[in-house]
Amino acid sequence: MAEEIGSDSLDMNLDTAHLFVQKELLEIVIEKLGNRLFGTHICDNDGCIDYHWLPGKGKIKWKGVLRSLKKIGYEGFLDIEINQTNYPDAAYLVGKEYLEILLKELNGG
């Protein structure tokens, strides 16, 4: 779309759960977006319904997603976007810790 419009200022926000339900291959989408990616919503689901679960609670392969983000040099935020909890503060911390563990593993630590 950005190429069709011919705009250098049109960037994209990646929503992992929405794309996963649409059967998109997240790693390929990330690489296609490349430097046009300015934001990332991190949430998981079962691939059928857009539940917005914590990362790691569904079927998204997060190491591949994070590896692709690293590959394109993404330095933006990873916004955890959930709506399936009665305790959001605690849930966000669980999601953050999960992502930190995966990032540490990907960075060899």
C-alpha atoms as a PDB file:
ATOM      1  CA  MET A   1       0.000   0.000   0.000  1.00  0.00           C
ATOM      2  CA  ALA A   2       2.778   2.425   0.926  1.00  0.00           C
ATOM      3  CA  GLU A   3       4.552   1.777  -2.362  1.00  0.00           C
ATOM      4  CA  GLU A   4       1.301   2.217  -4.314  1.00  0.00           C
ATOM      5  CA  ILE A   5       0.613   5.529  -2.600  1.00  0.00           C
ATOM      6  CA  GLY A   6       4.213   6.570  -3.116  1.00  0.00           C
ATOM      7  CA  SER A   7       4.667   7.918   0.396  1.00  0.00           C
ATOM      8  CA  ASP A   8       7.907   7.709   2.353  1.00  0.00           C
ATOM      9  CA  SER A   9       6.070   8.726   5.523  1.00  0.00           C
ATOM     10  CA  LEU A  10       3.429   5.965   5.604  1.00  0.00           C
ATOM     11  CA  ASP A  11       4.532   3.331   8.108  1.00  0.00           C
ATOM     12  CA  MET A  12       2.800   0.285   9.549  1.00  0.00           C
ATOM     13  CA  ASN A  13       1.833  -1.103  12.919  1.00  0.00           C
ATOM     14  CA  LEU A  14       2.103  -4.888  13.228  1.00  0.00           C
ATOM     15  CA  ASP A  15      -0.614  -6.680  15.194  1.00  0.00           C
ATOM     16  CA  THR A  16       0.511 -10.259  15.727  1.00  0.00           C
ATOM     17  CA  ALA A  17      -2.863 -11.650  16.783  1.00  0.00           C
ATOM     18  CA  HIS A  18      -4.799 -10.135  13.891  1.00  0.00           C
ATOM     19  CA  LEU A  19      -2.313 -11.400  11.325  1.00  0.00           C
ATOM     20  CA  PHE A  20      -2.056 -14.853  12.900  1.00  0.00           C
ATOM     21  CA  VAL A  21      -5.839 -15.330  12.725  1.00  0.00           C
ATOM     22  CA  GLN A  22      -5.668 -14.307   9.061  1.00  0.00           C
ATOM     23  CA  LYS A  23      -3.169 -17.180   8.557  1.00  0.00           C
ATOM     24  CA  GLU A  24      -0.316 -14.817   7.694  1.00  0.00           C
ATOM     25  CA  LEU A  25       3.246 -15.997   8.278  1.00  0.00           C
ATOM     26  CA  LEU A  26       4.395 -13.418  10.797  1.00  0.00           C
ATOM     27  CA  GLU A  27       8.110 -13.752  10.056  1.00  0.00           C
ATOM     28  CA  ILE A  28       7.521 -13.050   6.355  1.00  0.00           C
ATOM     29  CA  VAL A  29       5.206 -10.109   7.043  1.00  0.00           C
ATOM     30  CA  ILE A  30       7.818  -8.568   9.342  1.00  0.00           C
ATOM     31  CA  GLU A  31      10.535  -8.904   6.732  1.00  0.00           C
ATOM     32  CA  LYS A  32       8.263  -7.440   4.045  1.00  0.00           C
ATOM     33  CA  LEU A  33       7.479  -4.443   6.241  1.00  0.00           C
ATOM     34  CA  GLY A  34      11.154  -3.897   7.021  1.00  0.00           C
ATOM     35  CA  ASN A  35      11.921  -0.290   7.903  1.00  0.00           C
ATOM     36  CA  ARG A  36       8.248   0.679   7.481  1.00  0.00           C
ATOM     37  CA  LEU A  37       7.440  -1.076  10.761  1.00  0.00           C
ATOM     38  CA  PHE A  38       7.009   1.516  13.512  1.00  0.00           C
ATOM     39  CA  GLY A  39       4.959  -0.323  16.149  1.00  0.00           C
ATOM     40  CA  THR A  40       4.194  -3.857  17.244  1.00  0.00           C
ATOM     41  CA  HIS A  41       1.237  -5.189  19.203  1.00  0.00           C
ATOM     42  CA  ILE A  42       2.172  -8.428  20.938  1.00  0.00           C
ATOM     43  CA  CYS A  43      -0.679 -10.805  21.702  1.00  0.00           C
ATOM     44  CA  ASP A  44      -1.363 -14.465  21.135  1.00  0.00           C
ATOM     45  CA  ASN A  45      -4.261 -16.679  20.119  1.00  0.00           C
ATOM     46  CA  ASP A  46      -5.084 -20.157  18.839  1.00  0.00           C
ATOM     47  CA  GLY A  47      -4.997 -19.182  15.151  1.00  0.00           C
ATOM     48  CA  CYS A  48      -8.796 -19.307  14.876  1.00  0.00           C
ATOM     49  CA  ILE A  49     -10.151 -16.602  17.170  1.00  0.00           C
ATOM     50  CA  ASP A  50      -8.469 -13.287  17.982  1.00  0.00           C
ATOM     51  CA  TYR A  51      -8.371 -13.755  21.750  1.00  0.00           C
ATOM     52  CA  HIS A  52      -5.551 -11.319  22.600  1.00  0.00           C
ATOM     53  CA  TRP A  53      -3.915 -13.695  25.061  1.00  0.00           C
ATOM     54  CA  LEU A  54      -0.551 -13.155  26.671  1.00  0.00           C
ATOM     55  CA  PRO A  55       2.411 -14.090  24.472  1.00  0.00           C
ATOM     56  CA  GLY A  56       3.192 -17.765  25.007  1.00  0.00           C
ATOM     57  CA  LYS A  57      -0.397 -18.745  25.815  1.00  0.00           C
ATOM     58  CA  GLY A  58      -1.371 -19.517  22.223  1.00  0.00           C
ATOM     59  CA  LYS A  59       0.199 -20.908  19.071  1.00  0.00           C
ATOM     60  CA  ILE A  60       2.347 -18.042  17.792  1.00  0.00           C
ATOM     61  CA  LYS A  61       6.003 -19.019  17.543  1.00  0.00           C
ATOM     62  CA  TRP A  62       7.485 -16.057  19.359  1.00  0.00           C
ATOM     63  CA  LYS A  63      11.151 -16.869  18.854  1.00  0.00           C
ATOM     64  CA  GLY A  64      10.613 -16.655  15.095  1.00  0.00           C
ATOM     65  CA  VAL A  65       8.751 -13.352  15.437  1.00  0.00           C
ATOM     66  CA  LEU A  66      11.459 -11.854  17.641  1.00  0.00           C
ATOM     67  CA  ARG A  67      14.211 -13.211  15.392  1.00  0.00           C
ATOM     68  CA  SER A  68      12.584 -11.521  12.371  1.00  0.00           C
ATOM     69  CA  LEU A  69      12.210  -8.242  14.249  1.00  0.00           C
ATOM     70  CA  LYS A  70      15.891  -8.403  15.128  1.00  0.00           C
ATOM     71  CA  LYS A  71      16.780  -9.259  11.520  1.00  0.00           C
ATOM     72  CA  ILE A  72      15.137  -6.090  10.170  1.00  0.00           C
ATOM     73  CA  GLY A  73      16.775  -3.971  12.882  1.00  0.00           C
ATOM     74  CA  TYR A  74      13.493  -3.133  14.611  1.00  0.00           C
ATOM     75  CA  GLU A  75      14.089  -0.905  17.629  1.00  0.00           C
ATOM     76  CA  GLY A  76      10.516   0.103  18.395  1.00  0.00           C
ATOM     77  CA  PHE A  77       8.256  -0.894  21.232  1.00  0.00           C
ATOM     78  CA  LEU A  78       6.702  -4.307  21.806  1.00  0.00           C
ATOM     79  CA  ASP A  79       3.254  -3.373  23.116  1.00  0.00           C
ATOM     80  CA  ILE A  80       1.613  -6.244  24.968  1.00  0.00           C
ATOM     81  CA  GLU A  81      -2.059  -6.054  24.070  1.00  0.00           C
ATOM     82  CA  ILE A  82      -4.280  -8.360  26.111  1.00  0.00           C
ATOM     83  CA  ASN A  83      -7.923  -8.436  27.151  1.00  0.00           C
ATOM     84  CA  GLN A  84      -8.338 -11.866  28.734  1.00  0.00           C
ATOM     85  CA  THR A  85      -7.471 -11.253  32.377  1.00  0.00           C
ATOM     86  CA  ASN A  86      -8.961 -10.033  35.629  1.00  0.00           C
ATOM     87  CA  TYR A  87      -5.518  -8.923  36.848  1.00  0.00           C
ATOM     88  CA  PRO A  88      -3.988  -6.819  34.066  1.00  0.00           C
ATOM     89  CA  ASP A  89      -0.994  -5.469  36.014  1.00  0.00           C
ATOM     90  CA  ALA A  90       0.195  -8.945  36.963  1.00  0.00           C
ATOM     91  CA  ALA A  91      -0.550 -10.294  33.482  1.00  0.00           C
ATOM     92  CA  TYR A  92       1.482  -7.583  31.760  1.00  0.00           C
ATOM     93  CA  LEU A  93       4.438  -8.408  34.001  1.00  0.00           C
ATOM     94  CA  VAL A  94       4.150 -12.110  33.108  1.00  0.00           C
ATOM     95  CA  GLY A  95       4.098 -11.225  29.404  1.00  0.00           C
ATOM     96  CA  LYS A  96       7.051  -8.869  29.789  1.00  0.00           C
ATOM     97  CA  GLU A  97       9.101 -11.500  31.614  1.00  0.00           C
ATOM     98  CA  TYR A  98       8.255 -14.101  28.958  1.00  0.00           C
ATOM     99  CA  LEU A  99       9.465 -11.815  26.160  1.00  0.00           C
ATOM    100  CA  GLU A 100      12.593 -10.868  28.098  1.00  0.00           C
ATOM    101  CA  ILE A 101      13.520 -14.547  28.502  1.00  0.00           C
ATOM    102  CA  LEU A 102      13.102 -15.176  24.769  1.00  0.00           C
ATOM    103  CA  LEU A 103      15.081 -12.063  23.848  1.00  0.00           C
ATOM    104  CA  LYS A 104      17.869 -13.091  26.198  1.00  0.00           C
ATOM    105  CA  GLU A 105      17.974 -16.551  24.573  1.00  0.00           C
ATOM    106  CA  LEU A 106      18.074 -15.017  21.083  1.00  0.00           C
ATOM    107  CA  ASN A 107      20.913 -12.730  22.124  1.00  0.00           C
ATOM    108  CA  GLY A 108      22.958 -15.676  23.358  1.00  0.00           C
ATOM    109  CA  GLY A 109      22.547 -15.026  27.035  1.00  0.00           C
END
